[in-house]
Amino acid sequence: MTERTVFQSMPRRLLVSLGPAATVHEAACVMTKAGCGSVLVIDAASTMLGIVTERDLMTRVLAKALDPAKTPLSSVMTPHPQCIKPDTKVADAVLIMIERGFRHLPVVGEGGHILGVFSVRDALPREIGTAVSLAEFNEQVNDSLG
């Protein structure tokens, strides 16, 4: 069975994005309406500045008692997020997520064109299992090398 790419595994390729001056409240509304767990922060020239995820809303806004209606995305986003190419194998993307603690990875094609966001929810159980095995192997190698 051939391995799927992240682009093949993304069930929808809707690009959910807002500008850096948009508020956290606006982002939460857009994410809820789109049924997704992240929003890309993009400037007027369509350059990706950052990403805001559900986890960011919890840890960077709610836990700090910031006002969602007054807090701009630029102040809570993860700037310059790690991106992956559309031909990245799903297991490789999940391995990045495991090792770096991510749940969302922007997918960027030729010329920096933003294609969407790969979510760990887009992976099948076997692909997650492969990534976990790779992560465990990498950890054992690192431990043995001291």
C-alpha atoms as a PDB file:
ATOM      1  CA  MET A   1       0.000   0.000   0.000  1.00  0.00           C
ATOM      2  CA  THR A   2       1.483   3.362  -0.991  1.00  0.00           C
ATOM      3  CA  GLU A   3       1.910   6.020   1.613  1.00  0.00           C
ATOM      4  CA  ARG A   4      -0.387   9.009   1.352  1.00  0.00           C
ATOM      5  CA  THR A   5       0.960  12.520   1.144  1.00  0.00           C
ATOM      6  CA  VAL A   6      -0.320  15.269   3.408  1.00  0.00           C
ATOM      7  CA  PHE A   7      -1.998  16.937   0.434  1.00  0.00           C
ATOM      8  CA  GLN A   8      -3.847  13.713  -0.415  1.00  0.00           C
ATOM      9  CA  SER A   9      -4.950  13.284   3.194  1.00  0.00           C
ATOM     10  CA  MET A  10      -6.370  16.760   3.710  1.00  0.00           C
ATOM     11  CA  PRO A  11     -10.150  16.266   3.414  1.00  0.00           C
ATOM     12  CA  ARG A  12     -10.726  19.904   2.614  1.00  0.00           C
ATOM     13  CA  ARG A  13      -8.355  22.454   1.320  1.00  0.00           C
ATOM     14  CA  LEU A  14     -10.187  25.495   2.616  1.00  0.00           C
ATOM     15  CA  LEU A  15      -7.692  28.153   3.612  1.00  0.00           C
ATOM     16  CA  VAL A  16      -8.806  29.701   6.888  1.00  0.00           C
ATOM     17  CA  SER A  17      -6.925  32.938   7.429  1.00  0.00           C
ATOM     18  CA  LEU A  18      -7.168  36.390   8.969  1.00  0.00           C
ATOM     19  CA  GLY A  19      -4.973  39.463   9.125  1.00  0.00           C
ATOM     20  CA  PRO A  20      -2.699  40.187  12.088  1.00  0.00           C
ATOM     21  CA  ALA A  21      -4.992  42.941  13.434  1.00  0.00           C
ATOM     22  CA  ALA A  22      -8.016  40.596  13.625  1.00  0.00           C
ATOM     23  CA  THR A  23      -9.046  39.756  17.164  1.00  0.00           C
ATOM     24  CA  VAL A  24      -8.922  36.447  18.953  1.00  0.00           C
ATOM     25  CA  HIS A  25     -12.727  36.541  19.094  1.00  0.00           C
ATOM     26  CA  GLU A  26     -12.887  36.856  15.295  1.00  0.00           C
ATOM     27  CA  ALA A  27     -10.472  33.938  14.944  1.00  0.00           C
ATOM     28  CA  ALA A  28     -12.542  31.743  17.273  1.00  0.00           C
ATOM     29  CA  CYS A  29     -15.675  32.550  15.273  1.00  0.00           C
ATOM     30  CA  VAL A  30     -13.992  31.809  11.933  1.00  0.00           C
ATOM     31  CA  MET A  31     -12.514  28.546  13.230  1.00  0.00           C
ATOM     32  CA  THR A  32     -15.887  27.470  14.648  1.00  0.00           C
ATOM     33  CA  LYS A  33     -17.725  28.279  11.414  1.00  0.00           C
ATOM     34  CA  ALA A  34     -15.119  26.411   9.326  1.00  0.00           C
ATOM     35  CA  GLY A  35     -14.956  23.469  11.748  1.00  0.00           C
ATOM     36  CA  CYS A  36     -11.179  23.646  12.029  1.00  0.00           C
ATOM     37  CA  GLY A  37      -8.641  23.988  14.807  1.00  0.00           C
ATOM     38  CA  SER A  38      -6.378  26.706  13.448  1.00  0.00           C
ATOM     39  CA  VAL A  39      -6.263  29.944  11.514  1.00  0.00           C
ATOM     40  CA  LEU A  40      -3.311  31.246   9.531  1.00  0.00           C
ATOM     41  CA  VAL A  41      -2.292  34.849  10.089  1.00  0.00           C
ATOM     42  CA  ILE A  42      -1.593  36.390   6.686  1.00  0.00           C
ATOM     43  CA  ASP A  43      -0.694  39.916   5.634  1.00  0.00           C
ATOM     44  CA  ALA A  44      -2.156  41.872   2.700  1.00  0.00           C
ATOM     45  CA  ALA A  45       0.444  40.387   0.329  1.00  0.00           C
ATOM     46  CA  SER A  46      -0.681  36.839   1.278  1.00  0.00           C
ATOM     47  CA  THR A  47       2.527  36.202   3.206  1.00  0.00           C
ATOM     48  CA  MET A  48       2.100  33.867   6.162  1.00  0.00           C
ATOM     49  CA  LEU A  49       3.067  35.623   9.374  1.00  0.00           C
ATOM     50  CA  GLY A  50       1.960  32.970  11.843  1.00  0.00           C
ATOM     51  CA  ILE A  51      -0.638  30.488  13.014  1.00  0.00           C
ATOM     52  CA  VAL A  52      -3.132  30.509  15.880  1.00  0.00           C
ATOM     53  CA  THR A  53      -4.524  27.197  17.126  1.00  0.00           C
ATOM     54  CA  GLU A  54      -7.142  26.049  19.609  1.00  0.00           C
ATOM     55  CA  ARG A  55      -4.347  25.364  22.067  1.00  0.00           C
ATOM     56  CA  ASP A  56      -3.051  28.935  21.643  1.00  0.00           C
ATOM     57  CA  LEU A  57      -6.500  30.292  22.474  1.00  0.00           C
ATOM     58  CA  MET A  58      -6.506  28.270  25.683  1.00  0.00           C
ATOM     59  CA  THR A  59      -2.909  28.827  26.833  1.00  0.00           C
ATOM     60  CA  ARG A  60      -2.173  32.312  25.510  1.00  0.00           C
ATOM     61  CA  VAL A  61      -5.562  33.969  25.898  1.00  0.00           C
ATOM     62  CA  LEU A  62      -7.891  32.242  28.373  1.00  0.00           C
ATOM     63  CA  ALA A  63      -5.203  31.155  30.843  1.00  0.00           C
ATOM     64  CA  LYS A  64      -3.851  34.714  30.904  1.00  0.00           C
ATOM     65  CA  ALA A  65      -7.331  36.269  31.187  1.00  0.00           C
ATOM     66  CA  LEU A  66      -6.872  38.367  28.034  1.00  0.00           C
ATOM     67  CA  ASP A  67      -9.965  39.941  26.469  1.00  0.00           C
ATOM     68  CA  PRO A  68     -10.620  38.027  23.216  1.00  0.00           C
ATOM     69  CA  ALA A  69     -12.458  40.999  21.724  1.00  0.00           C
ATOM     70  CA  LYS A  70      -9.447  43.275  22.224  1.00  0.00           C
ATOM     71  CA  THR A  71      -6.513  40.915  21.727  1.00  0.00           C
ATOM     72  CA  PRO A  72      -5.024  40.954  18.205  1.00  0.00           C
ATOM     73  CA  LEU A  73      -3.868  37.710  16.648  1.00  0.00           C
ATOM     74  CA  SER A  74      -0.399  39.174  16.164  1.00  0.00           C
ATOM     75  CA  SER A  75       0.105  39.129  19.930  1.00  0.00           C
ATOM     76  CA  VAL A  76      -0.797  35.446  20.451  1.00  0.00           C
ATOM     77  CA  MET A  77       0.192  33.751  17.188  1.00  0.00           C
ATOM     78  CA  THR A  78       3.120  31.421  16.699  1.00  0.00           C
ATOM     79  CA  PRO A  79       5.245  33.459  14.286  1.00  0.00           C
ATOM     80  CA  HIS A  80       6.881  31.847  11.250  1.00  0.00           C
ATOM     81  CA  PRO A  81       5.509  28.343  11.864  1.00  0.00           C
ATOM     82  CA  GLN A  82       7.260  25.276  10.551  1.00  0.00           C
ATOM     83  CA  CYS A  83       5.713  24.329   7.216  1.00  0.00           C
ATOM     84  CA  ILE A  84       5.695  21.165   5.161  1.00  0.00           C
ATOM     85  CA  LYS A  85       5.500  20.498   1.437  1.00  0.00           C
ATOM     86  CA  PRO A  86       2.405  18.882  -0.083  1.00  0.00           C
ATOM     87  CA  ASP A  87       4.352  15.745  -1.033  1.00  0.00           C
ATOM     88  CA  THR A  88       5.457  15.092   2.573  1.00  0.00           C
ATOM     89  CA  LYS A  89       4.388  11.613   3.660  1.00  0.00           C
ATOM     90  CA  VAL A  90       1.715  11.629   6.368  1.00  0.00           C
ATOM     91  CA  ALA A  91       3.820   9.534   8.769  1.00  0.00           C
ATOM     92  CA  ASP A  92       6.715  11.996   8.381  1.00  0.00           C
ATOM     93  CA  ALA A  93       4.405  14.937   9.130  1.00  0.00           C
ATOM     94  CA  VAL A  94       3.012  13.179  12.195  1.00  0.00           C
ATOM     95  CA  LEU A  95       6.561  12.440  13.368  1.00  0.00           C
ATOM     96  CA  ILE A  96       7.339  16.183  13.179  1.00  0.00           C
ATOM     97  CA  MET A  97       4.195  16.836  15.189  1.00  0.00           C
ATOM     98  CA  ILE A  98       5.128  14.276  17.853  1.00  0.00           C
ATOM     99  CA  GLU A  99       8.700  15.505  18.176  1.00  0.00           C
ATOM    100  CA  ARG A 100       7.802  19.222  18.193  1.00  0.00           C
ATOM    101  CA  GLY A 101       4.484  19.119  20.036  1.00  0.00           C
ATOM    102  CA  PHE A 102       2.384  20.431  17.129  1.00  0.00           C
ATOM    103  CA  ARG A 103      -1.133  19.480  16.049  1.00  0.00           C
ATOM    104  CA  HIS A 104      -1.222  21.598  12.892  1.00  0.00           C
ATOM    105  CA  LEU A 105       1.311  22.155  10.105  1.00  0.00           C
ATOM    106  CA  PRO A 106       0.802  24.630   7.257  1.00  0.00           C
ATOM    107  CA  VAL A 107       1.271  23.075   3.827  1.00  0.00           C
ATOM    108  CA  VAL A 108       3.167  25.296   1.410  1.00  0.00           C
ATOM    109  CA  GLY A 109       3.740  24.548  -2.269  1.00  0.00           C
ATOM    110  CA  GLU A 110       5.863  26.003  -5.039  1.00  0.00           C
ATOM    111  CA  GLY A 111       6.798  29.652  -4.641  1.00  0.00           C
ATOM    112  CA  GLY A 112       5.528  29.728  -1.063  1.00  0.00           C
ATOM    113  CA  HIS A 113       1.886  29.287  -2.127  1.00  0.00           C
ATOM    114  CA  ILE A 114      -0.157  28.326   0.944  1.00  0.00           C
ATOM    115  CA  LEU A 115      -2.252  25.233   0.229  1.00  0.00           C
ATOM    116  CA  GLY A 116      -3.853  24.666   3.619  1.00  0.00           C
ATOM    117  CA  VAL A 117      -3.143  23.183   7.028  1.00  0.00           C
ATOM    118  CA  PHE A 118      -2.477  19.527   7.782  1.00  0.00           C
ATOM    119  CA  SER A 119      -3.988  18.448  11.095  1.00  0.00           C
ATOM    120  CA  VAL A 120      -3.141  15.345  13.068  1.00  0.00           C
ATOM    121  CA  ARG A 121      -6.848  14.515  12.607  1.00  0.00           C
ATOM    122  CA  ASP A 122      -6.109  14.013   8.893  1.00  0.00           C
ATOM    123  CA  ALA A 123      -3.867  11.022   9.624  1.00  0.00           C
ATOM    124  CA  LEU A 124      -5.082   7.422   9.691  1.00  0.00           C
ATOM    125  CA  PRO A 125      -4.331   5.233  12.737  1.00  0.00           C
ATOM    126  CA  ARG A 126      -1.708   3.216  10.805  1.00  0.00           C
ATOM    127  CA  GLU A 127       0.111   6.412   9.823  1.00  0.00           C
ATOM    128  CA  ILE A 128       0.096   7.598  13.422  1.00  0.00           C
ATOM    129  CA  GLY A 129       1.383   4.176  14.495  1.00  0.00           C
ATOM    130  CA  THR A 130       4.238   4.408  11.988  1.00  0.00           C
ATOM    131  CA  ALA A 131       5.159   7.869  13.271  1.00  0.00           C
ATOM    132  CA  VAL A 132       5.059   6.734  16.911  1.00  0.00           C
ATOM    133  CA  SER A 133       7.354   3.808  16.058  1.00  0.00           C
ATOM    134  CA  LEU A 134       9.769   6.183  14.333  1.00  0.00           C
ATOM    135  CA  ALA A 135       9.681   8.568  17.302  1.00  0.00           C
ATOM    136  CA  GLU A 136      10.403   5.714  19.725  1.00  0.00           C
ATOM    137  CA  PHE A 137      13.250   4.495  17.515  1.00  0.00           C
ATOM    138  CA  ASN A 138      14.728   8.008  17.329  1.00  0.00           C
ATOM    139  CA  GLU A 139      14.521   8.307  21.120  1.00  0.00           C
ATOM    140  CA  GLN A 140      16.302   4.968  21.613  1.00  0.00           C
ATOM    141  CA  VAL A 141      19.064   5.980  19.183  1.00  0.00           C
ATOM    142  CA  ASN A 142      19.524   9.315  20.933  1.00  0.00           C
ATOM    143  CA  ASP A 143      19.632   7.603  24.345  1.00  0.00           C
ATOM    144  CA  SER A 144      22.241   5.094  23.172  1.00  0.00           C
ATOM    145  CA  LEU A 145      24.415   7.844  21.680  1.00  0.00           C
ATOM    146  CA  GLY A 146      24.338   9.640  25.008  1.00  0.00           C
END
